[in-house]
């Protein structure tokens, strides 16, 4: 089923790119697996802006990849690269498919990302459960605690903009793993415009940029 989903996403992406992407897309969009192998690349901002579809720019371990939005359901959005799928829910990564380290990290009921991260109170804690299918690990506990940071100037592609920072301290006791995720929110809409997210001990931190803000009322 996973392979079928990926193939379906690639076919749809190819169809989408006919009107929306120029000829540099296939040459310039690098997969996240290249980041894990240590190969370095950089996608010029002009090429990112040339892709008219909504997209996520993901940087990791010196490499960059662009993922194009293909479908959404409320705050949940599916983004496709050449061979992988990234799913976000209100700006937080909830699923990776087709990577060397896949992950499933669904939100919970009354999750701060679903109720509005801009309004989260300091010290709020949630318990999620994480699956790493390729490692045969399921139901791992992930505790997340939230703290409101300052309004900061943050780089968004080739611009510097002011955004509200929210810190998410995650702890996975079964793996003896801790990390801090950072989210920079658009102060008007509350959309997560940029973030640094840690998904597992085996993966580098992902620096994620939403390349353009969605219209008011649309999913980020």
N, C-alpha and C. Protein backbone atom coordinates (compact mmCIF):
# COMPACT_ATOMS: atom_id res chain seq x y z
N UNK A 1 0.82 -1.21 0.00
CA UNK A 1 0.00 0.00 0.00
C UNK A 1 0.85 1.27 0.00
N UNK A 2 1.97 1.24 0.75
CA UNK A 2 2.83 2.42 0.79
C UNK A 2 3.40 2.70 -0.59
N UNK A 3 3.90 1.65 -1.27
CA UNK A 3 4.49 1.84 -2.60
C UNK A 3 3.45 2.36 -3.58
N UNK A 4 2.24 1.85 -3.47
CA UNK A 4 1.17 2.33 -4.36
C UNK A 4 0.89 3.79 -4.10
N UNK A 5 0.90 4.17 -2.82
CA UNK A 5 0.63 5.57 -2.48
C UNK A 5 1.72 6.46 -3.06
N UNK A 6 2.97 6.03 -2.93
CA UNK A 6 4.07 6.83 -3.45
C UNK A 6 3.97 6.94 -4.96
N UNK A 7 3.70 5.80 -5.65
CA UNK A 7 3.59 5.84 -7.11
C UNK A 7 2.46 6.77 -7.54
N UNK A 8 1.34 6.68 -6.81
CA UNK A 8 0.22 7.55 -7.14
C UNK A 8 0.59 9.01 -6.95
N UNK A 9 1.33 9.30 -5.89
CA UNK A 9 1.75 10.67 -5.66
C UNK A 9 2.68 11.16 -6.73
N UNK A 10 3.58 10.31 -7.19
CA UNK A 10 4.52 10.72 -8.23
C UNK A 10 3.81 10.99 -9.54
N UNK A 11 2.83 10.15 -9.88
CA UNK A 11 2.08 10.38 -11.11
C UNK A 11 1.34 11.71 -11.04
N UNK A 12 0.72 11.95 -9.87
CA UNK A 12 -0.01 13.21 -9.72
C UNK A 12 0.94 14.40 -9.75
N UNK A 13 2.12 14.23 -9.13
CA UNK A 13 3.09 15.32 -9.15
C UNK A 13 3.55 15.61 -10.57
N UNK A 14 3.78 14.56 -11.34
CA UNK A 14 4.20 14.76 -12.72
C UNK A 14 3.13 15.53 -13.50
N UNK A 15 1.87 15.16 -13.26
CA UNK A 15 0.79 15.86 -13.95
C UNK A 15 0.72 17.31 -13.50
N UNK A 16 0.93 17.53 -12.20
CA UNK A 16 0.88 18.88 -11.68
C UNK A 16 1.99 19.74 -12.26
N UNK A 17 3.17 19.15 -12.45
CA UNK A 17 4.32 19.92 -12.89
C UNK A 17 4.24 20.34 -14.34
N UNK A 18 3.38 19.71 -15.12
CA UNK A 18 3.27 20.11 -16.52
C UNK A 18 2.92 21.59 -16.63
N UNK A 19 1.89 22.08 -15.92
CA UNK A 19 1.60 23.51 -16.01
C UNK A 19 2.33 24.34 -14.96
N UNK A 20 2.74 23.72 -13.84
CA UNK A 20 3.16 24.52 -12.70
C UNK A 20 4.66 24.63 -12.56
N UNK A 21 5.45 23.73 -13.13
CA UNK A 21 6.88 23.70 -12.90
C UNK A 21 7.62 23.88 -14.21
N UNK A 22 8.80 24.50 -14.12
CA UNK A 22 9.58 24.60 -15.33
C UNK A 22 10.52 23.42 -15.44
N UNK A 23 11.39 23.42 -16.47
CA UNK A 23 12.20 22.25 -16.74
C UNK A 23 13.25 21.98 -15.68
N UNK A 24 13.51 22.96 -14.79
CA UNK A 24 14.54 22.75 -13.79
C UNK A 24 14.04 21.90 -12.63
N UNK A 25 12.73 21.68 -12.55
CA UNK A 25 12.18 21.02 -11.37
C UNK A 25 12.77 19.64 -11.16
N UNK A 26 12.73 18.80 -12.18
CA UNK A 26 13.22 17.44 -12.04
C UNK A 26 14.71 17.41 -11.75
N UNK A 27 15.46 18.41 -12.25
CA UNK A 27 16.89 18.44 -12.02
C UNK A 27 17.24 19.01 -10.66
N UNK A 28 16.40 19.89 -10.13
CA UNK A 28 16.78 20.65 -8.95
C UNK A 28 16.16 20.14 -7.66
N UNK A 29 15.00 19.48 -7.73
CA UNK A 29 14.37 18.98 -6.50
C UNK A 29 15.10 17.73 -6.05
N UNK A 30 15.84 17.84 -4.96
CA UNK A 30 16.63 16.72 -4.45
C UNK A 30 15.83 15.98 -3.38
N UNK A 31 16.03 14.69 -3.28
CA UNK A 31 15.32 13.92 -2.27
C UNK A 31 16.05 13.98 -0.94
N UNK A 32 15.29 13.73 0.12
CA UNK A 32 15.86 13.79 1.46
C UNK A 32 16.89 12.69 1.67
N UNK A 33 16.79 11.58 0.93
CA UNK A 33 17.78 10.52 1.06
C UNK A 33 19.18 11.02 0.72
N UNK A 34 19.30 12.00 -0.16
CA UNK A 34 20.60 12.56 -0.49
C UNK A 34 21.17 13.29 0.71
N UNK A 35 20.30 13.91 1.49
CA UNK A 35 20.77 14.59 2.69
C UNK A 35 21.37 13.58 3.67
N UNK A 36 20.70 12.44 3.81
CA UNK A 36 21.21 11.42 4.72
C UNK A 36 22.53 10.85 4.24
N UNK A 37 22.78 10.85 2.95
CA UNK A 37 24.03 10.32 2.43
C UNK A 37 25.14 11.37 2.43
N UNK A 38 24.82 12.59 2.86
CA UNK A 38 25.83 13.61 3.01
C UNK A 38 26.10 14.43 1.77
N UNK A 39 25.38 14.23 0.69
CA UNK A 39 25.59 15.01 -0.52
C UNK A 39 24.99 16.40 -0.32
N UNK A 40 25.69 17.39 -0.81
CA UNK A 40 25.30 18.77 -0.59
C UNK A 40 24.74 19.37 -1.87
N UNK A 41 23.64 20.09 -1.75
CA UNK A 41 23.07 20.81 -2.88
C UNK A 41 22.33 22.02 -2.35
N UNK A 42 22.06 22.96 -3.21
CA UNK A 42 21.32 24.15 -2.83
C UNK A 42 20.40 24.52 -3.98
N UNK A 43 19.11 24.73 -3.66
CA UNK A 43 18.13 25.10 -4.68
C UNK A 43 18.02 26.62 -4.69
N UNK A 44 18.33 27.28 -5.80
CA UNK A 44 18.24 28.74 -5.85
C UNK A 44 16.81 29.21 -5.57
N UNK A 45 16.71 30.35 -4.89
CA UNK A 45 15.40 30.90 -4.54
C UNK A 45 14.56 31.15 -5.80
N UNK A 46 15.20 31.58 -6.88
CA UNK A 46 14.46 31.84 -8.12
C UNK A 46 13.78 30.58 -8.63
N UNK A 47 14.43 29.44 -8.48
CA UNK A 47 13.82 28.19 -8.92
C UNK A 47 12.67 27.78 -8.00
N UNK A 48 12.82 28.06 -6.71
CA UNK A 48 11.73 27.77 -5.77
C UNK A 48 10.50 28.61 -6.11
N UNK A 49 10.73 29.89 -6.36
CA UNK A 49 9.60 30.77 -6.67
C UNK A 49 8.99 30.45 -8.03
N UNK A 50 9.75 29.81 -8.92
CA UNK A 50 9.22 29.46 -10.24
C UNK A 50 8.19 28.34 -10.17
N UNK A 51 8.19 27.57 -9.09
CA UNK A 51 7.19 26.51 -8.90
C UNK A 51 5.93 27.16 -8.34
N UNK A 52 4.90 27.22 -9.15
CA UNK A 52 3.71 27.97 -8.76
C UNK A 52 2.83 27.25 -7.75
N UNK A 53 3.00 25.94 -7.63
CA UNK A 53 2.23 25.20 -6.62
C UNK A 53 2.77 25.51 -5.23
N UNK A 54 1.93 25.37 -4.20
CA UNK A 54 2.39 25.52 -2.82
C UNK A 54 3.45 24.47 -2.55
N UNK A 55 4.48 24.83 -1.80
CA UNK A 55 5.58 23.90 -1.59
C UNK A 55 6.23 24.11 -0.23
N UNK A 56 6.94 23.06 0.21
CA UNK A 56 7.77 23.10 1.41
C UNK A 56 9.22 22.96 0.98
N UNK A 57 10.08 23.81 1.50
CA UNK A 57 11.52 23.66 1.33
C UNK A 57 12.06 23.03 2.60
N UNK A 58 12.70 21.87 2.46
CA UNK A 58 13.25 21.16 3.61
C UNK A 58 14.76 21.06 3.46
N UNK A 59 15.48 21.52 4.49
CA UNK A 59 16.94 21.44 4.51
C UNK A 59 17.35 20.48 5.62
N UNK A 60 18.37 19.68 5.32
CA UNK A 60 18.88 18.75 6.32
C UNK A 60 20.28 18.30 5.92
N UNK A 61 21.19 18.35 6.87
CA UNK A 61 22.55 17.83 6.68
C UNK A 61 23.20 18.36 5.41
N UNK A 62 22.99 19.63 5.12
CA UNK A 62 23.65 20.25 3.99
C UNK A 62 22.97 20.08 2.66
N UNK A 63 21.81 19.42 2.63
CA UNK A 63 21.08 19.24 1.38
C UNK A 63 19.72 19.91 1.48
N UNK A 64 19.11 20.17 0.33
CA UNK A 64 17.80 20.79 0.27
C UNK A 64 16.88 19.99 -0.63
N UNK A 65 15.60 19.98 -0.30
CA UNK A 65 14.60 19.31 -1.11
C UNK A 65 13.32 20.14 -1.13
N UNK A 66 12.61 20.07 -2.23
CA UNK A 66 11.36 20.81 -2.37
C UNK A 66 10.22 19.81 -2.51
N UNK A 67 9.17 20.00 -1.72
CA UNK A 67 8.01 19.11 -1.72
C UNK A 67 6.77 19.92 -2.09
N UNK A 68 6.00 19.41 -3.04
CA UNK A 68 4.88 20.15 -3.60
C UNK A 68 3.57 19.65 -3.01
N UNK A 69 2.70 20.58 -2.65
CA UNK A 69 1.39 20.25 -2.09
C UNK A 69 0.50 19.64 -3.16
N UNK A 70 -0.07 18.47 -2.83
CA UNK A 70 -0.93 17.80 -3.79
C UNK A 70 -2.36 17.68 -3.29
N UNK A 71 -2.51 17.56 -1.96
CA UNK A 71 -3.85 17.45 -1.40
C UNK A 71 -3.84 17.93 0.04
N UNK A 72 -5.02 18.28 0.53
CA UNK A 72 -5.13 18.71 1.92
C UNK A 72 -6.52 18.36 2.44
N UNK A 73 -6.60 18.21 3.76
CA UNK A 73 -7.85 17.89 4.42
C UNK A 73 -7.85 18.64 5.75
N UNK A 74 -8.49 19.80 5.78
CA UNK A 74 -8.41 20.62 6.97
C UNK A 74 -6.99 21.12 7.15
N UNK A 75 -6.41 20.87 8.31
CA UNK A 75 -5.03 21.28 8.55
C UNK A 75 -4.00 20.27 8.12
N UNK A 76 -4.45 19.11 7.60
CA UNK A 76 -3.53 18.06 7.19
C UNK A 76 -3.21 18.21 5.71
N UNK A 77 -1.92 18.25 5.38
CA UNK A 77 -1.48 18.49 4.00
C UNK A 77 -0.50 17.41 3.59
N UNK A 78 -0.64 16.90 2.38
CA UNK A 78 0.30 15.93 1.81
C UNK A 78 1.19 16.65 0.81
N UNK A 79 2.51 16.50 1.00
CA UNK A 79 3.51 17.12 0.14
C UNK A 79 4.34 16.02 -0.51
N UNK A 80 4.62 16.15 -1.80
CA UNK A 80 5.33 15.11 -2.54
C UNK A 80 6.62 15.63 -3.14
N UNK A 81 7.68 14.82 -3.00
CA UNK A 81 8.93 15.02 -3.71
C UNK A 81 9.00 14.06 -4.87
N UNK A 82 10.21 13.73 -5.29
CA UNK A 82 10.36 12.81 -6.42
C UNK A 82 9.96 11.40 -6.05
N UNK A 83 10.34 10.95 -4.86
CA UNK A 83 10.04 9.57 -4.46
C UNK A 83 9.50 9.47 -3.04
N UNK A 84 9.27 10.60 -2.38
CA UNK A 84 8.84 10.55 -0.99
C UNK A 84 7.60 11.43 -0.76
N UNK A 85 6.96 11.16 0.37
CA UNK A 85 5.81 11.96 0.79
C UNK A 85 6.05 12.47 2.20
N UNK A 86 5.72 13.73 2.42
CA UNK A 86 5.74 14.34 3.75
C UNK A 86 4.32 14.78 4.06
N UNK A 87 3.83 14.42 5.22
CA UNK A 87 2.52 14.88 5.65
C UNK A 87 2.69 15.80 6.85
N UNK A 88 2.05 16.95 6.79
CA UNK A 88 2.05 17.86 7.94
C UNK A 88 0.63 18.06 8.43
N UNK A 89 0.51 18.40 9.68
CA UNK A 89 -0.79 18.73 10.26
C UNK A 89 -0.62 20.04 11.03
N UNK A 90 -1.18 21.11 10.49
CA UNK A 90 -1.06 22.44 11.08
C UNK A 90 0.41 22.84 11.27
N UNK A 91 1.27 22.39 10.36
CA UNK A 91 2.67 22.78 10.38
C UNK A 91 3.62 21.80 11.02
N UNK A 92 3.11 20.79 11.72
CA UNK A 92 3.98 19.78 12.34
C UNK A 92 4.02 18.54 11.45
N UNK A 93 5.21 17.98 11.24
CA UNK A 93 5.30 16.76 10.45
C UNK A 93 4.66 15.62 11.22
N UNK A 94 3.72 14.93 10.55
CA UNK A 94 3.05 13.80 11.18
C UNK A 94 3.34 12.47 10.48
N UNK A 95 3.92 12.52 9.28
CA UNK A 95 4.24 11.26 8.60
C UNK A 95 5.31 11.50 7.53
N UNK A 96 6.23 10.55 7.44
CA UNK A 96 7.20 10.47 6.35
C UNK A 96 7.04 9.12 5.67
N UNK A 97 7.01 9.11 4.35
CA UNK A 97 6.92 7.87 3.59
C UNK A 97 7.97 7.87 2.48
N UNK A 98 8.62 6.74 2.31
CA UNK A 98 9.61 6.61 1.24
C UNK A 98 11.00 7.05 1.62
N UNK A 99 11.24 7.31 2.88
CA UNK A 99 12.54 7.73 3.34
C UNK A 99 13.33 6.54 3.89
N UNK A 100 14.61 6.77 4.17
CA UNK A 100 15.40 5.72 4.81
C UNK A 100 14.92 5.47 6.23
N UNK A 101 14.34 6.50 6.86
CA UNK A 101 13.75 6.37 8.18
C UNK A 101 12.34 6.94 8.12
N UNK A 102 11.34 6.08 7.91
CA UNK A 102 9.96 6.53 7.89
C UNK A 102 9.48 6.81 9.31
N UNK A 103 8.45 7.64 9.44
CA UNK A 103 7.94 7.98 10.76
C UNK A 103 6.45 8.28 10.67
N UNK A 104 5.73 7.92 11.73
CA UNK A 104 4.31 8.24 11.87
C UNK A 104 4.12 8.83 13.25
N UNK A 105 3.75 10.14 13.30
CA UNK A 105 3.62 10.85 14.57
C UNK A 105 2.32 11.65 14.54
N UNK A 106 1.18 10.99 14.66
CA UNK A 106 -0.10 11.71 14.55
C UNK A 106 -0.34 12.63 15.73
N UNK A 107 -1.12 13.68 15.47
CA UNK A 107 -1.55 14.56 16.55
C UNK A 107 -2.56 13.83 17.43
N UNK A 108 -2.78 14.37 18.62
CA UNK A 108 -3.74 13.79 19.55
C UNK A 108 -4.95 14.72 19.66
N UNK A 109 -5.98 14.23 20.34
CA UNK A 109 -7.16 15.06 20.57
C UNK A 109 -6.76 16.32 21.34
N UNK A 110 -7.32 17.46 20.95
CA UNK A 110 -6.99 18.75 21.58
C UNK A 110 -5.50 19.07 21.52
N UNK A 111 -4.86 18.62 20.45
CA UNK A 111 -3.43 18.90 20.27
C UNK A 111 -3.23 20.41 20.09
N UNK A 112 -2.18 20.99 20.67
CA UNK A 112 -1.94 22.43 20.50
C UNK A 112 -1.85 22.87 19.05
N UNK A 113 -1.38 22.00 18.16
CA UNK A 113 -1.31 22.38 16.76
C UNK A 113 -2.70 22.48 16.14
N UNK A 114 -3.63 21.66 16.61
CA UNK A 114 -4.98 21.69 16.07
C UNK A 114 -5.81 22.81 16.69
N UNK A 115 -5.58 23.10 17.97
CA UNK A 115 -6.37 24.11 18.65
C UNK A 115 -5.82 25.52 18.43
N UNK A 116 -4.56 25.62 17.99
CA UNK A 116 -3.96 26.92 17.71
C UNK A 116 -2.67 27.12 18.50
N UNK A 117 -1.54 26.90 17.84
CA UNK A 117 -0.26 26.96 18.54
C UNK A 117 0.03 28.37 19.06
N UNK A 118 -0.52 29.37 18.40
CA UNK A 118 -0.28 30.75 18.84
C UNK A 118 -0.83 31.00 20.25
N UNK A 119 -1.86 30.24 20.64
CA UNK A 119 -2.49 30.45 21.94
C UNK A 119 -2.01 29.47 23.01
N UNK A 120 -1.02 28.62 22.72
CA UNK A 120 -0.61 27.60 23.67
C UNK A 120 -0.02 28.26 24.92
N UNK A 121 -0.39 27.72 26.08
CA UNK A 121 0.11 28.26 27.35
C UNK A 121 1.45 27.63 27.70
N UNK A 122 2.32 28.41 28.32
CA UNK A 122 3.61 27.89 28.76
C UNK A 122 3.41 26.68 29.67
N UNK A 123 4.21 25.64 29.41
CA UNK A 123 4.15 24.45 30.24
C UNK A 123 3.14 23.41 29.79
N UNK A 124 2.35 23.73 28.75
CA UNK A 124 1.40 22.75 28.22
C UNK A 124 2.15 21.50 27.77
N UNK A 125 1.64 20.33 28.16
CA UNK A 125 2.30 19.08 27.79
C UNK A 125 1.31 18.13 27.15
N UNK A 126 1.74 17.44 26.11
CA UNK A 126 0.92 16.41 25.46
C UNK A 126 1.75 15.15 25.32
N UNK A 127 1.05 14.04 25.24
CA UNK A 127 1.68 12.75 25.02
C UNK A 127 1.22 12.21 23.67
N UNK A 128 2.16 12.02 22.75
CA UNK A 128 1.86 11.40 21.46
C UNK A 128 2.53 10.03 21.41
N UNK A 129 2.14 9.24 20.43
CA UNK A 129 2.76 7.93 20.22
C UNK A 129 3.33 7.87 18.81
N UNK A 130 4.56 7.37 18.72
CA UNK A 130 5.34 7.43 17.49
C UNK A 130 5.61 6.03 16.98
N UNK A 131 5.50 5.87 15.66
CA UNK A 131 5.88 4.61 15.01
C UNK A 131 7.05 4.86 14.07
N UNK A 132 8.04 3.97 14.10
CA UNK A 132 9.12 3.92 13.12
C UNK A 132 9.03 2.57 12.42
N UNK A 133 8.23 2.47 11.36
CA UNK A 133 7.93 1.16 10.76
C UNK A 133 9.16 0.39 10.30
N UNK A 134 10.13 1.07 9.72
CA UNK A 134 11.30 0.36 9.20
C UNK A 134 12.18 -0.20 10.31
N UNK A 135 12.03 0.32 11.51
CA UNK A 135 12.76 -0.21 12.68
C UNK A 135 11.90 -1.15 13.51
N UNK A 136 10.67 -1.41 13.03
CA UNK A 136 9.73 -2.28 13.75
C UNK A 136 9.46 -1.75 15.16
N UNK A 137 9.38 -0.42 15.29
CA UNK A 137 9.08 0.19 16.58
C UNK A 137 7.73 0.91 16.47
N UNK A 138 6.82 0.56 17.36
CA UNK A 138 5.49 1.15 17.34
C UNK A 138 5.08 1.58 18.74
N UNK A 139 4.26 2.62 18.79
CA UNK A 139 3.71 3.05 20.06
C UNK A 139 4.70 3.67 21.03
N UNK A 140 5.81 4.19 20.52
CA UNK A 140 6.79 4.81 21.40
C UNK A 140 6.23 6.12 21.96
N UNK A 141 6.44 6.35 23.24
CA UNK A 141 5.91 7.55 23.88
C UNK A 141 6.77 8.76 23.53
N UNK A 142 6.10 9.86 23.18
CA UNK A 142 6.79 11.12 22.95
C UNK A 142 6.06 12.20 23.76
N UNK A 143 6.72 12.74 24.75
CA UNK A 143 6.17 13.83 25.55
C UNK A 143 6.64 15.15 24.95
N UNK A 144 5.72 16.08 24.78
CA UNK A 144 6.05 17.39 24.22
C UNK A 144 5.56 18.47 25.17
N UNK A 145 6.45 19.41 25.51
CA UNK A 145 6.13 20.52 26.39
C UNK A 145 6.41 21.82 25.65
N UNK A 146 5.51 22.80 25.82
CA UNK A 146 5.54 24.01 25.00
C UNK A 146 5.87 25.25 25.82
N UNK A 147 6.65 26.12 25.19
CA UNK A 147 7.03 27.39 25.81
C UNK A 147 6.99 28.47 24.74
N UNK A 148 6.50 29.63 25.14
CA UNK A 148 6.40 30.76 24.21
C UNK A 148 7.72 31.51 24.18
N UNK A 149 8.30 31.64 23.01
CA UNK A 149 9.52 32.40 22.85
C UNK A 149 9.22 33.83 22.43
N UNK A 150 10.23 34.58 22.02
CA UNK A 150 10.03 35.97 21.62
C UNK A 150 9.57 36.08 20.17
N UNK A 151 9.17 37.27 19.78
CA UNK A 151 8.98 37.58 18.36
C UNK A 151 10.37 37.84 17.79
N UNK A 152 10.73 37.10 16.74
CA UNK A 152 12.09 37.16 16.20
C UNK A 152 12.07 37.46 14.72
N UNK A 153 13.16 38.04 14.25
CA UNK A 153 13.38 38.16 12.81
C UNK A 153 13.96 36.84 12.31
N UNK A 154 13.30 36.25 11.32
CA UNK A 154 13.71 34.93 10.82
C UNK A 154 13.79 34.98 9.30
N UNK A 155 14.75 34.25 8.76
CA UNK A 155 14.94 34.21 7.31
C UNK A 155 13.87 33.34 6.67
N UNK A 156 13.14 33.90 5.71
CA UNK A 156 12.16 33.16 4.91
C UNK A 156 12.60 33.30 3.45
N UNK A 157 13.25 32.27 2.94
CA UNK A 157 13.86 32.32 1.61
C UNK A 157 14.84 33.50 1.55
N UNK A 158 14.57 34.51 0.74
CA UNK A 158 15.51 35.63 0.61
C UNK A 158 15.05 36.87 1.38
N UNK A 159 14.12 36.70 2.32
CA UNK A 159 13.61 37.82 3.08
C UNK A 159 13.76 37.56 4.58
N UNK A 160 13.79 38.63 5.35
CA UNK A 160 13.80 38.53 6.81
C UNK A 160 12.48 39.10 7.32
N UNK A 161 11.75 38.30 8.10
CA UNK A 161 10.43 38.70 8.57
C UNK A 161 10.29 38.41 10.06
N UNK A 162 9.42 39.15 10.73
CA UNK A 162 9.17 38.96 12.17
C UNK A 162 8.13 37.87 12.38
N UNK A 163 8.45 36.91 13.23
CA UNK A 163 7.54 35.80 13.53
C UNK A 163 7.60 35.46 15.02
N UNK A 164 6.47 34.96 15.52
CA UNK A 164 6.40 34.50 16.90
C UNK A 164 7.02 33.11 17.01
N UNK A 165 7.97 32.95 17.93
CA UNK A 165 8.61 31.64 18.10
C UNK A 165 7.93 30.86 19.22
N UNK A 166 7.66 29.59 18.96
CA UNK A 166 7.16 28.65 19.96
C UNK A 166 8.15 27.50 20.05
N UNK A 167 8.56 27.17 21.28
CA UNK A 167 9.51 26.07 21.49
C UNK A 167 8.75 24.83 21.95
N UNK A 168 9.16 23.69 21.41
CA UNK A 168 8.56 22.40 21.75
C UNK A 168 9.67 21.47 22.22
N UNK A 169 9.69 21.17 23.50
CA UNK A 169 10.69 20.26 24.06
C UNK A 169 10.11 18.85 24.01
N UNK A 170 10.76 17.98 23.23
CA UNK A 170 10.25 16.61 23.12
C UNK A 170 11.17 15.65 23.89
N UNK A 171 10.54 14.62 24.44
CA UNK A 171 11.28 13.62 25.22
C UNK A 171 10.69 12.25 24.91
N UNK A 172 11.57 11.30 24.56
CA UNK A 172 11.16 9.93 24.27
C UNK A 172 11.93 9.01 25.20
N UNK A 173 11.38 8.72 26.39
CA UNK A 173 12.14 7.98 27.41
C UNK A 173 12.55 6.58 26.96
N UNK A 174 11.74 5.92 26.12
CA UNK A 174 12.09 4.57 25.69
C UNK A 174 13.32 4.53 24.81
N UNK A 175 13.66 5.68 24.19
CA UNK A 175 14.85 5.78 23.35
C UNK A 175 15.94 6.62 24.01
N UNK A 176 15.65 7.12 25.22
CA UNK A 176 16.59 8.02 25.90
C UNK A 176 16.94 9.19 24.99
N UNK A 177 15.92 9.80 24.40
CA UNK A 177 16.11 10.83 23.38
C UNK A 177 15.37 12.10 23.77
N UNK A 178 16.05 13.23 23.67
CA UNK A 178 15.45 14.54 23.91
C UNK A 178 15.90 15.51 22.83
N UNK A 179 15.04 16.45 22.49
CA UNK A 179 15.38 17.46 21.49
C UNK A 179 14.43 18.64 21.67
N UNK A 180 14.78 19.77 21.06
CA UNK A 180 13.92 20.95 21.08
C UNK A 180 13.57 21.31 19.64
N UNK A 181 12.28 21.40 19.37
CA UNK A 181 11.79 21.86 18.07
C UNK A 181 11.40 23.33 18.17
N UNK A 182 11.63 24.07 17.10
CA UNK A 182 11.31 25.49 17.07
C UNK A 182 10.33 25.76 15.94
N UNK A 183 9.32 26.55 16.23
CA UNK A 183 8.30 26.92 15.24
C UNK A 183 8.18 28.44 15.21
N UNK A 184 8.25 29.01 14.02
CA UNK A 184 8.06 30.45 13.85
C UNK A 184 6.74 30.67 13.15
N UNK A 185 5.82 31.36 13.83
CA UNK A 185 4.45 31.53 13.36
C UNK A 185 4.24 32.92 12.78
N UNK A 186 3.51 32.99 11.68
CA UNK A 186 3.08 34.27 11.15
C UNK A 186 2.18 34.93 12.19
N UNK A 187 2.50 36.16 12.56
CA UNK A 187 1.79 36.79 13.67
C UNK A 187 0.35 37.14 13.33
N UNK A 188 0.02 37.24 12.06
CA UNK A 188 -1.35 37.56 11.66
C UNK A 188 -2.23 36.32 11.56
N UNK A 189 -1.73 35.29 10.87
CA UNK A 189 -2.56 34.11 10.61
C UNK A 189 -2.32 32.96 11.58
N UNK A 190 -1.17 32.95 12.25
CA UNK A 190 -0.83 31.83 13.13
C UNK A 190 -0.26 30.63 12.40
N UNK A 191 -0.12 30.70 11.06
CA UNK A 191 0.47 29.58 10.32
C UNK A 191 1.95 29.42 10.67
N UNK A 192 2.37 28.17 10.75
CA UNK A 192 3.79 27.89 10.93
C UNK A 192 4.50 28.17 9.60
N UNK A 193 5.33 29.20 9.59
CA UNK A 193 6.01 29.59 8.36
C UNK A 193 7.37 28.92 8.23
N UNK A 194 8.02 28.72 9.35
CA UNK A 194 9.31 28.02 9.35
C UNK A 194 9.42 27.24 10.64
N UNK A 195 10.15 26.14 10.59
CA UNK A 195 10.33 25.33 11.80
C UNK A 195 11.62 24.53 11.69
N UNK A 196 12.12 24.12 12.84
CA UNK A 196 13.21 23.14 12.93
C UNK A 196 12.66 21.98 13.74
N UNK A 197 12.54 20.82 13.11
CA UNK A 197 11.88 19.67 13.73
C UNK A 197 12.81 18.46 13.77
N UNK A 198 12.81 17.80 14.93
CA UNK A 198 13.55 16.54 15.11
C UNK A 198 12.54 15.41 15.14
N UNK A 199 12.74 14.42 14.27
CA UNK A 199 11.77 13.33 14.16
C UNK A 199 12.24 12.04 14.81
N UNK A 200 13.53 11.80 14.85
CA UNK A 200 14.04 10.57 15.45
C UNK A 200 15.52 10.74 15.74
N UNK A 201 16.07 9.87 16.61
CA UNK A 201 17.50 9.95 16.90
C UNK A 201 18.37 9.68 15.68
N UNK A 202 17.83 8.97 14.68
CA UNK A 202 18.62 8.57 13.52
C UNK A 202 18.64 9.62 12.41
N UNK A 203 17.79 10.61 12.51
CA UNK A 203 17.65 11.57 11.43
C UNK A 203 18.19 12.94 11.85
N UNK A 204 18.77 13.69 10.92
CA UNK A 204 19.18 15.06 11.24
C UNK A 204 17.95 15.94 11.42
N UNK A 205 18.14 17.07 12.08
CA UNK A 205 17.05 18.02 12.23
C UNK A 205 16.63 18.54 10.86
N UNK A 206 15.33 18.74 10.70
CA UNK A 206 14.79 19.25 9.44
C UNK A 206 14.47 20.74 9.61
N UNK A 207 15.02 21.56 8.73
CA UNK A 207 14.74 22.99 8.70
C UNK A 207 13.73 23.20 7.58
N UNK A 208 12.49 23.54 7.95
CA UNK A 208 11.35 23.51 7.03
C UNK A 208 10.81 24.91 6.83
N UNK A 209 10.63 25.30 5.58
CA UNK A 209 10.07 26.61 5.26
C UNK A 209 8.85 26.44 4.36
N UNK A 210 7.74 27.02 4.76
CA UNK A 210 6.56 27.12 3.91
C UNK A 210 6.84 28.25 2.93
N UNK A 211 6.94 27.94 1.64
CA UNK A 211 7.47 28.92 0.69
C UNK A 211 6.54 30.11 0.46
N UNK A 212 5.24 29.93 0.71
CA UNK A 212 4.32 31.07 0.62
C UNK A 212 3.16 30.83 1.59
N UNK A 213 2.64 31.93 2.14
CA UNK A 213 1.50 31.81 3.03
C UNK A 213 0.25 31.48 2.24
N UNK A 214 -0.60 30.56 2.75
CA UNK A 214 -1.86 30.27 2.07
C UNK A 214 -2.85 31.39 2.26
N UNK A 215 -3.88 31.45 1.41
CA UNK A 215 -4.94 32.45 1.61
C UNK A 215 -5.61 32.27 2.98
N UNK A 216 -6.19 33.32 3.48
CA UNK A 216 -6.86 33.27 4.78
C UNK A 216 -7.89 32.15 4.81
N UNK A 217 -7.82 31.31 5.85
CA UNK A 217 -8.77 30.23 6.00
C UNK A 217 -8.32 28.92 5.41
N UNK A 218 -7.26 28.92 4.58
CA UNK A 218 -6.75 27.69 4.00
C UNK A 218 -5.78 27.01 4.94
N UNK A 219 -5.57 25.71 4.70
CA UNK A 219 -4.63 24.95 5.52
C UNK A 219 -3.20 25.38 5.22
N UNK A 220 -2.34 25.45 6.26
CA UNK A 220 -0.94 25.81 6.03
C UNK A 220 -0.16 24.65 5.43
